[in-house]
Amino acid sequence: MTPSPKTEVVRARIDGVIKHDAEEILAALGMNMSDAIRIFLHQLVVRHEFPVELKAPNATTRQAMNAPGEGSFESVDELFDDALK
């Protein structure tokens, strides 16, 4: 694949919270959204497959995910607060 000038534009609608959170994470990595999209698309082309493993949970996993129980948390923050004690 021969490098070419970056002249194409990709646009996508995305939830504002997801965008904000992703931008914070990317900034911590020294990247911006355009960098991440370019890396993602480059890997898609190089691998000829989706570069992130996607799996649908099976019935047992879905049941466990939906079952409240000991160790259940109302939010991710609550989970991390508990884990970091």
PDB file of N, CA and C in Angstrom:
ATOM      1  N   MET A   1       0.851  -1.163   0.000  1.00  0.00           N
ATOM      2  CA  MET A   1       0.000   0.000   0.000  1.00  0.00           C
ATOM      3  C   MET A   1       0.903   1.234   0.000  1.00  0.00           C
ATOM      4  N   THR A   2       0.746   2.077  -0.971  1.00  0.00           N
ATOM      5  CA  THR A   2       1.552   3.285  -1.084  1.00  0.00           C
ATOM      6  C   THR A   2       0.901   4.427  -0.324  1.00  0.00           C
ATOM      7  N   PRO A   3       1.655   5.093   0.553  1.00  0.00           N
ATOM      8  CA  PRO A   3       1.081   6.232   1.276  1.00  0.00           C
ATOM      9  C   PRO A   3       0.643   7.323   0.299  1.00  0.00           C
ATOM     10  N   SER A   4      -0.457   7.938   0.588  1.00  0.00           N
ATOM     11  CA  SER A   4      -0.948   9.030  -0.244  1.00  0.00           C
ATOM     12  C   SER A   4      -1.330  10.192   0.668  1.00  0.00           C
ATOM     13  N   PRO A   5      -1.499  11.370   0.091  1.00  0.00           N
ATOM     14  CA  PRO A   5      -1.880  12.517   0.926  1.00  0.00           C
ATOM     15  C   PRO A   5      -3.196  12.243   1.648  1.00  0.00           C
ATOM     16  N   LYS A   6      -3.304  12.757   2.848  1.00  0.00           N
ATOM     17  CA  LYS A   6      -4.522  12.571   3.639  1.00  0.00           C
ATOM     18  C   LYS A   6      -5.548  13.611   3.202  1.00  0.00           C
ATOM     19  N   THR A   7      -6.364  13.244   2.219  1.00  0.00           N
ATOM     20  CA  THR A   7      -7.327  14.201   1.673  1.00  0.00           C
ATOM     21  C   THR A   7      -8.778  13.795   1.890  1.00  0.00           C
ATOM     22  N   GLU A   8      -9.019  12.563   2.296  1.00  0.00           N
ATOM     23  CA  GLU A   8     -10.386  12.089   2.484  1.00  0.00           C
ATOM     24  C   GLU A   8     -10.878  12.422   3.885  1.00  0.00           C
ATOM     25  N   VAL A   9     -12.177  12.640   4.010  1.00  0.00           N
ATOM     26  CA  VAL A   9     -12.785  12.967   5.297  1.00  0.00           C
ATOM     27  C   VAL A   9     -13.758  11.856   5.671  1.00  0.00           C
ATOM     28  N   VAL A  10     -13.706  11.433   6.931  1.00  0.00           N
ATOM     29  CA  VAL A  10     -14.638  10.439   7.464  1.00  0.00           C
ATOM     30  C   VAL A  10     -15.462  11.135   8.538  1.00  0.00           C
ATOM     31  N   ARG A  11     -16.780  10.993   8.454  1.00  0.00           N
ATOM     32  CA  ARG A  11     -17.664  11.603   9.451  1.00  0.00           C
ATOM     33  C   ARG A  11     -18.536  10.514  10.053  1.00  0.00           C
ATOM     34  N   ALA A  12     -18.772  10.625  11.349  1.00  0.00           N
ATOM     35  CA  ALA A  12     -19.630   9.653  12.025  1.00  0.00           C
ATOM     36  C   ALA A  12     -20.366  10.338  13.168  1.00  0.00           C
ATOM     37  N   ARG A  13     -21.593   9.982  13.372  1.00  0.00           N
ATOM     38  CA  ARG A  13     -22.343  10.480  14.525  1.00  0.00           C
ATOM     39  C   ARG A  13     -22.105   9.527  15.682  1.00  0.00           C
ATOM     40  N   ILE A  14     -21.836  10.105  16.857  1.00  0.00           N
ATOM     41  CA  ILE A  14     -21.548   9.279  18.029  1.00  0.00           C
ATOM     42  C   ILE A  14     -22.053   9.992  19.272  1.00  0.00           C
ATOM     43  N   ASP A  15     -22.412   9.230  20.264  1.00  0.00           N
ATOM     44  CA  ASP A  15     -22.867   9.772  21.539  1.00  0.00           C
ATOM     45  C   ASP A  15     -21.801  10.699  22.116  1.00  0.00           C
ATOM     46  N   GLY A  16     -22.210  11.848  22.595  1.00  0.00           N
ATOM     47  CA  GLY A  16     -21.278  12.842  23.118  1.00  0.00           C
ATOM     48  C   GLY A  16     -20.450  12.362  24.284  1.00  0.00           C
ATOM     49  N   VAL A  17     -21.037  11.560  25.166  1.00  0.00           N
ATOM     50  CA  VAL A  17     -20.299  11.053  26.330  1.00  0.00           C
ATOM     51  C   VAL A  17     -19.197  10.096  25.872  1.00  0.00           C
ATOM     52  N   ILE A  18     -19.521   9.219  24.936  1.00  0.00           N
ATOM     53  CA  ILE A  18     -18.531   8.281  24.416  1.00  0.00           C
ATOM     54  C   ILE A  18     -17.386   9.053  23.756  1.00  0.00           C
ATOM     55  N   LYS A  19     -17.736  10.059  22.955  1.00  0.00           N
ATOM     56  CA  LYS A  19     -16.712  10.863  22.276  1.00  0.00           C
ATOM     57  C   LYS A  19     -15.798  11.549  23.299  1.00  0.00           C
ATOM     58  N   HIS A  20     -16.389  12.172  24.293  1.00  0.00           N
ATOM     59  CA  HIS A  20     -15.616  12.876  25.317  1.00  0.00           C
ATOM     60  C   HIS A  20     -14.691  11.918  26.054  1.00  0.00           C
ATOM     61  N   ASP A  21     -15.245  10.787  26.497  1.00  0.00           N
ATOM     62  CA  ASP A  21     -14.441   9.810  27.237  1.00  0.00           C
ATOM     63  C   ASP A  21     -13.304   9.267  26.371  1.00  0.00           C
ATOM     64  N   ALA A  22     -13.604   8.969  25.109  1.00  0.00           N
ATOM     65  CA  ALA A  22     -12.578   8.463  24.200  1.00  0.00           C
ATOM     66  C   ALA A  22     -11.490   9.508  23.983  1.00  0.00           C
ATOM     67  N   GLU A  23     -11.871  10.770  23.842  1.00  0.00           N
ATOM     68  CA  GLU A  23     -10.880  11.830  23.647  1.00  0.00           C
ATOM     69  C   GLU A  23      -9.959  11.964  24.851  1.00  0.00           C
ATOM     70  N   GLU A  24     -10.501  11.810  26.053  1.00  0.00           N
ATOM     71  CA  GLU A  24      -9.667  11.868  27.255  1.00  0.00           C
ATOM     72  C   GLU A  24      -8.660  10.724  27.286  1.00  0.00           C
ATOM     73  N   ILE A  25      -9.115   9.531  26.968  1.00  0.00           N
ATOM     74  CA  ILE A  25      -8.232   8.362  26.957  1.00  0.00           C
ATOM     75  C   ILE A  25      -7.158   8.524  25.886  1.00  0.00           C
ATOM     76  N   LEU A  26      -7.576   8.944  24.699  1.00  0.00           N
ATOM     77  CA  LEU A  26      -6.620   9.128  23.608  1.00  0.00           C
ATOM     78  C   LEU A  26      -5.601  10.209  23.946  1.00  0.00           C
ATOM     79  N   ALA A  27      -6.043  11.291  24.579  1.00  0.00           N
ATOM     80  CA  ALA A  27      -5.121  12.363  24.962  1.00  0.00           C
ATOM     81  C   ALA A  27      -4.069  11.833  25.929  1.00  0.00           C
ATOM     82  N   ALA A  28      -4.480  10.971  26.849  1.00  0.00           N
ATOM     83  CA  ALA A  28      -3.535  10.374  27.797  1.00  0.00           C
ATOM     84  C   ALA A  28      -2.510   9.496  27.078  1.00  0.00           C
ATOM     85  N   LEU A  29      -2.895   8.990  25.910  1.00  0.00           N
ATOM     86  CA  LEU A  29      -1.994   8.170  25.103  1.00  0.00           C
ATOM     87  C   LEU A  29      -1.197   9.007  24.107  1.00  0.00           C
ATOM     88  N   GLY A  30      -1.434  10.326  24.113  1.00  0.00           N
ATOM     89  CA  GLY A  30      -0.739  11.213  23.186  1.00  0.00           C
ATOM     90  C   GLY A  30      -1.307  11.179  21.784  1.00  0.00           C
ATOM     91  N   MET A  31      -2.582  10.836  21.693  1.00  0.00           N
ATOM     92  CA  MET A  31      -3.236  10.714  20.378  1.00  0.00           C
ATOM     93  C   MET A  31      -4.495  11.561  20.351  1.00  0.00           C
ATOM     94  N   ASN A  32      -5.029  11.755  19.159  1.00  0.00           N
ATOM     95  CA  ASN A  32      -6.336  12.390  19.025  1.00  0.00           C
ATOM     96  C   ASN A  32      -7.264  11.420  18.285  1.00  0.00           C
ATOM     97  N   MET A  33      -8.498  11.827  18.098  1.00  0.00           N
ATOM     98  CA  MET A  33      -9.493  10.956  17.474  1.00  0.00           C
ATOM     99  C   MET A  33      -9.081  10.582  16.048  1.00  0.00           C
ATOM    100  N   SER A  34      -8.544  11.543  15.302  1.00  0.00           N
ATOM    101  CA  SER A  34      -8.113  11.257  13.927  1.00  0.00           C
ATOM    102  C   SER A  34      -7.012  10.201  13.902  1.00  0.00           C
ATOM    103  N   ASP A  35      -6.059  10.297  14.839  1.00  0.00           N
ATOM    104  CA  ASP A  35      -4.995   9.284  14.923  1.00  0.00           C
ATOM    105  C   ASP A  35      -5.598   7.901  15.145  1.00  0.00           C
ATOM    106  N   ALA A  36      -6.526   7.811  16.085  1.00  0.00           N
ATOM    107  CA  ALA A  36      -7.128   6.517  16.423  1.00  0.00           C
ATOM    108  C   ALA A  36      -7.903   5.939  15.238  1.00  0.00           C
ATOM    109  N   ILE A  37      -8.635   6.786  14.546  1.00  0.00           N
ATOM    110  CA  ILE A  37      -9.401   6.310  13.385  1.00  0.00           C
ATOM    111  C   ILE A  37      -8.455   5.846  12.288  1.00  0.00           C
ATOM    112  N   ARG A  38      -7.377   6.614  12.042  1.00  0.00           N
ATOM    113  CA  ARG A  38      -6.400   6.210  11.024  1.00  0.00           C
ATOM    114  C   ARG A  38      -5.766   4.861  11.375  1.00  0.00           C
ATOM    115  N   ILE A  39      -5.391   4.678  12.642  1.00  0.00           N
ATOM    116  CA  ILE A  39      -4.797   3.403  13.065  1.00  0.00           C
ATOM    117  C   ILE A  39      -5.795   2.268  12.880  1.00  0.00           C
ATOM    118  N   PHE A  40      -7.042   2.500  13.299  1.00  0.00           N
ATOM    119  CA  PHE A  40      -8.073   1.476  13.159  1.00  0.00           C
ATOM    120  C   PHE A  40      -8.246   1.071  11.696  1.00  0.00           C
ATOM    121  N   LEU A  41      -8.402   2.060  10.810  1.00  0.00           N
ATOM    122  CA  LEU A  41      -8.625   1.757   9.396  1.00  0.00           C
ATOM    123  C   LEU A  41      -7.394   1.114   8.759  1.00  0.00           C
ATOM    124  N   HIS A  42      -6.206   1.564   9.153  1.00  0.00           N
ATOM    125  CA  HIS A  42      -4.981   0.960   8.621  1.00  0.00           C
ATOM    126  C   HIS A  42      -4.921  -0.514   9.019  1.00  0.00           C
ATOM    127  N   GLN A  43      -5.206  -0.822  10.274  1.00  0.00           N
ATOM    128  CA  GLN A  43      -5.190  -2.211  10.727  1.00  0.00           C
ATOM    129  C   GLN A  43      -6.254  -3.051  10.025  1.00  0.00           C
ATOM    130  N   LEU A  44      -7.399  -2.469   9.750  1.00  0.00           N
ATOM    131  CA  LEU A  44      -8.449  -3.162   9.007  1.00  0.00           C
ATOM    132  C   LEU A  44      -7.925  -3.579   7.637  1.00  0.00           C
ATOM    133  N   VAL A  45      -7.232  -2.661   6.960  1.00  0.00           N
ATOM    134  CA  VAL A  45      -6.680  -2.949   5.634  1.00  0.00           C
ATOM    135  C   VAL A  45      -5.549  -3.972   5.712  1.00  0.00           C
ATOM    136  N   VAL A  46      -4.635  -3.803   6.666  1.00  0.00           N
ATOM    137  CA  VAL A  46      -3.490  -4.707   6.791  1.00  0.00           C
ATOM    138  C   VAL A  46      -3.940  -6.128   7.121  1.00  0.00           C
ATOM    139  N   ARG A  47      -4.874  -6.257   8.045  1.00  0.00           N
ATOM    140  CA  ARG A  47      -5.311  -7.583   8.512  1.00  0.00           C
ATOM    141  C   ARG A  47      -6.390  -8.215   7.636  1.00  0.00           C
ATOM    142  N   HIS A  48      -7.100  -7.400   6.888  1.00  0.00           N
ATOM    143  CA  HIS A  48      -8.257  -7.871   6.117  1.00  0.00           C
ATOM    144  C   HIS A  48      -9.319  -8.478   7.025  1.00  0.00           C
ATOM    145  N   GLU A  49      -9.416  -7.931   8.228  1.00  0.00           N
ATOM    146  CA  GLU A  49     -10.433  -8.345   9.180  1.00  0.00           C
ATOM    147  C   GLU A  49     -10.606  -7.228  10.207  1.00  0.00           C
ATOM    148  N   PHE A  50     -11.672  -7.300  10.953  1.00  0.00           N
ATOM    149  CA  PHE A  50     -11.922  -6.309  11.983  1.00  0.00           C
ATOM    150  C   PHE A  50     -10.806  -6.403  13.016  1.00  0.00           C
ATOM    151  N   PRO A  51     -10.123  -5.299  13.318  1.00  0.00           N
ATOM    152  CA  PRO A  51      -8.936  -5.380  14.178  1.00  0.00           C
ATOM    153  C   PRO A  51      -9.214  -5.532  15.672  1.00  0.00           C
ATOM    154  N   VAL A  52     -10.447  -5.578  16.053  1.00  0.00           N
ATOM    155  CA  VAL A  52     -10.824  -5.767  17.456  1.00  0.00           C
ATOM    156  C   VAL A  52     -11.710  -7.003  17.513  1.00  0.00           C
ATOM    157  N   GLU A  53     -11.401  -7.912  18.430  1.00  0.00           N
ATOM    158  CA  GLU A  53     -12.199  -9.121  18.541  1.00  0.00           C
ATOM    159  C   GLU A  53     -13.591  -8.789  19.079  1.00  0.00           C
ATOM    160  N   LEU A  54     -14.597  -9.189  18.341  1.00  0.00           N
ATOM    161  CA  LEU A  54     -15.983  -8.970  18.756  1.00  0.00           C
ATOM    162  C   LEU A  54     -16.621 -10.323  19.031  1.00  0.00           C
ATOM    163  N   LYS A  55     -17.209 -10.443  20.208  1.00  0.00           N
ATOM    164  CA  LYS A  55     -17.871 -11.683  20.567  1.00  0.00           C
ATOM    165  C   LYS A  55     -19.214 -11.364  21.186  1.00  0.00           C
ATOM    166  N   ALA A  56     -20.211 -12.114  20.803  1.00  0.00           N
ATOM    167  CA  ALA A  56     -21.516 -12.006  21.438  1.00  0.00           C
ATOM    168  C   ALA A  56     -21.530 -12.974  22.614  1.00  0.00           C
ATOM    169  N   PRO A  57     -21.967 -12.507  23.785  1.00  0.00           N
ATOM    170  CA  PRO A  57     -21.987 -13.417  24.934  1.00  0.00           C
ATOM    171  C   PRO A  57     -22.987 -14.555  24.730  1.00  0.00           C
ATOM    172  N   ASN A  58     -22.624 -15.743  25.229  1.00  0.00           N
ATOM    173  CA  ASN A  58     -23.544 -16.872  25.142  1.00  0.00           C
ATOM    174  C   ASN A  58     -24.607 -16.754  26.232  1.00  0.00           C
ATOM    175  N   ALA A  59     -25.542 -17.659  26.262  1.00  0.00           N
ATOM    176  CA  ALA A  59     -26.667 -17.584  27.199  1.00  0.00           C
ATOM    177  C   ALA A  59     -26.205 -17.579  28.653  1.00  0.00           C
ATOM    178  N   THR A  60     -25.225 -18.393  28.997  1.00  0.00           N
ATOM    179  CA  THR A  60     -24.726 -18.454  30.371  1.00  0.00           C
ATOM    180  C   THR A  60     -24.106 -17.126  30.785  1.00  0.00           C
ATOM    181  N   THR A  61     -23.316 -16.549  29.892  1.00  0.00           N
ATOM    182  CA  THR A  61     -22.671 -15.268  30.188  1.00  0.00           C
ATOM    183  C   THR A  61     -23.707 -14.157  30.323  1.00  0.00           C
ATOM    184  N   ARG A  62     -24.702 -14.132  29.423  1.00  0.00           N
ATOM    185  CA  ARG A  62     -25.768 -13.112  29.515  1.00  0.00           C
ATOM    186  C   ARG A  62     -26.520 -13.227  30.831  1.00  0.00           C
ATOM    187  N   GLN A  63     -26.805 -14.456  31.248  1.00  0.00           N
ATOM    188  CA  GLN A  63     -27.511 -14.667  32.513  1.00  0.00           C
ATOM    189  C   GLN A  63     -26.673 -14.148  33.674  1.00  0.00           C
ATOM    190  N   ALA A  64     -25.390 -14.445  33.684  1.00  0.00           N
ATOM    191  CA  ALA A  64     -24.503 -13.974  34.755  1.00  0.00           C
ATOM    192  C   ALA A  64     -24.384 -12.459  34.741  1.00  0.00           C
ATOM    193  N   MET A  65     -24.348 -11.866  33.562  1.00  0.00           N
ATOM    194  CA  MET A  65     -24.233 -10.411  33.448  1.00  0.00           C
ATOM    195  C   MET A  65     -25.479  -9.706  33.988  1.00  0.00           C
ATOM    196  N   ASN A  66     -26.641 -10.330  33.809  1.00  0.00           N
ATOM    197  CA  ASN A  66     -27.901  -9.707  34.206  1.00  0.00           C
ATOM    198  C   ASN A  66     -28.329 -10.043  35.628  1.00  0.00           C
ATOM    199  N   ALA A  67     -27.673 -11.008  36.260  1.00  0.00           N
ATOM    200  CA  ALA A  67     -28.071 -11.445  37.589  1.00  0.00           C
ATOM    201  C   ALA A  67     -27.417 -10.573  38.659  1.00  0.00           C
ATOM    202  N   PRO A  68     -28.251  -9.896  39.451  1.00  0.00           N
ATOM    203  CA  PRO A  68     -27.656  -9.150  40.567  1.00  0.00           C
ATOM    204  C   PRO A  68     -27.174 -10.153  41.605  1.00  0.00           C
ATOM    205  N   GLY A  69     -26.193  -9.782  42.314  1.00  0.00           N
ATOM    206  CA  GLY A  69     -25.682 -10.693  43.327  1.00  0.00           C
ATOM    207  C   GLY A  69     -24.639  -9.997  44.170  1.00  0.00           C
ATOM    208  N   GLU A  70     -24.016 -10.766  45.010  1.00  0.00           N
ATOM    209  CA  GLU A  70     -22.973 -10.224  45.858  1.00  0.00           C
ATOM    210  C   GLU A  70     -21.864  -9.676  44.968  1.00  0.00           C
ATOM    211  N   GLY A  71     -21.406  -8.499  45.295  1.00  0.00           N
ATOM    212  CA  GLY A  71     -20.370  -7.883  44.483  1.00  0.00           C
ATOM    213  C   GLY A  71     -20.928  -7.076  43.328  1.00  0.00           C
ATOM    214  N   SER A  72     -22.250  -6.873  43.292  1.00  0.00           N
ATOM    215  CA  SER A  72     -22.834  -6.049  42.238  1.00  0.00           C
ATOM    216  C   SER A  72     -22.604  -4.584  42.553  1.00  0.00           C
ATOM    217  N   PHE A  73     -22.422  -3.785  41.536  1.00  0.00           N
ATOM    218  CA  PHE A  73     -22.169  -2.367  41.702  1.00  0.00           C
ATOM    219  C   PHE A  73     -23.113  -1.571  40.818  1.00  0.00           C
ATOM    220  N   GLU A  74     -23.458  -0.392  41.288  1.00  0.00           N
ATOM    221  CA  GLU A  74     -24.364   0.483  40.552  1.00  0.00           C
ATOM    222  C   GLU A  74     -23.666   1.209  39.412  1.00  0.00           C
ATOM    223  N   SER A  75     -22.338   1.345  39.497  1.00  0.00           N
ATOM    224  CA  SER A  75     -21.598   2.068  38.461  1.00  0.00           C
ATOM    225  C   SER A  75     -20.176   1.538  38.391  1.00  0.00           C
ATOM    226  N   VAL A  76     -19.501   1.882  37.325  1.00  0.00           N
ATOM    227  CA  VAL A  76     -18.102   1.504  37.172  1.00  0.00           C
ATOM    228  C   VAL A  76     -17.265   2.197  38.243  1.00  0.00           C
ATOM    229  N   ASP A  77     -17.594   3.462  38.535  1.00  0.00           N
ATOM    230  CA  ASP A  77     -16.860   4.190  39.575  1.00  0.00           C
ATOM    231  C   ASP A  77     -16.952   3.461  40.914  1.00  0.00           C
ATOM    232  N   GLU A  78     -18.139   2.980  41.244  1.00  0.00           N
ATOM    233  CA  GLU A  78     -18.334   2.253  42.497  1.00  0.00           C
ATOM    234  C   GLU A  78     -17.491   0.972  42.507  1.00  0.00           C
ATOM    235  N   LEU A  79     -17.437   0.280  41.376  1.00  0.00           N
ATOM    236  CA  LEU A  79     -16.623  -0.930  41.254  1.00  0.00           C
ATOM    237  C   LEU A  79     -15.153  -0.616  41.509  1.00  0.00           C
ATOM    238  N   PHE A  80     -14.633   0.424  40.842  1.00  0.00           N
ATOM    239  CA  PHE A  80     -13.230   0.774  41.010  1.00  0.00           C
ATOM    240  C   PHE A  80     -12.933   1.275  42.417  1.00  0.00           C
ATOM    241  N   ASP A  81     -13.840   2.029  42.997  1.00  0.00           N
ATOM    242  CA  ASP A  81     -13.640   2.482  44.374  1.00  0.00           C
ATOM    243  C   ASP A  81     -13.476   1.272  45.297  1.00  0.00           C
ATOM    244  N   ASP A  82     -14.320   0.272  45.115  1.00  0.00           N
ATOM    245  CA  ASP A  82     -14.241  -0.933  45.927  1.00  0.00           C
ATOM    246  C   ASP A  82     -12.951  -1.709  45.647  1.00  0.00           C
ATOM    247  N   ALA A  83     -12.586  -1.813  44.389  1.00  0.00           N
ATOM    248  CA  ALA A  83     -11.402  -2.592  44.007  1.00  0.00           C
ATOM    249  C   ALA A  83     -10.115  -1.947  44.476  1.00  0.00           C
ATOM    250  N   LEU A  84     -10.104  -0.627  44.599  1.00  0.00           N
ATOM    251  CA  LEU A  84      -8.879   0.085  44.950  1.00  0.00           C
ATOM    252  C   LEU A  84      -8.737   0.317  46.455  1.00  0.00           C
ATOM    253  N   LYS A  85      -9.621  -0.264  47.256  1.00  0.00           N
ATOM    254  CA  LYS A  85      -9.539  -0.119  48.718  1.00  0.00           C
ATOM    255  C   LYS A  85      -8.331  -0.838  49.254  1.00  0.00           C
TER     256      LYS A  85
END
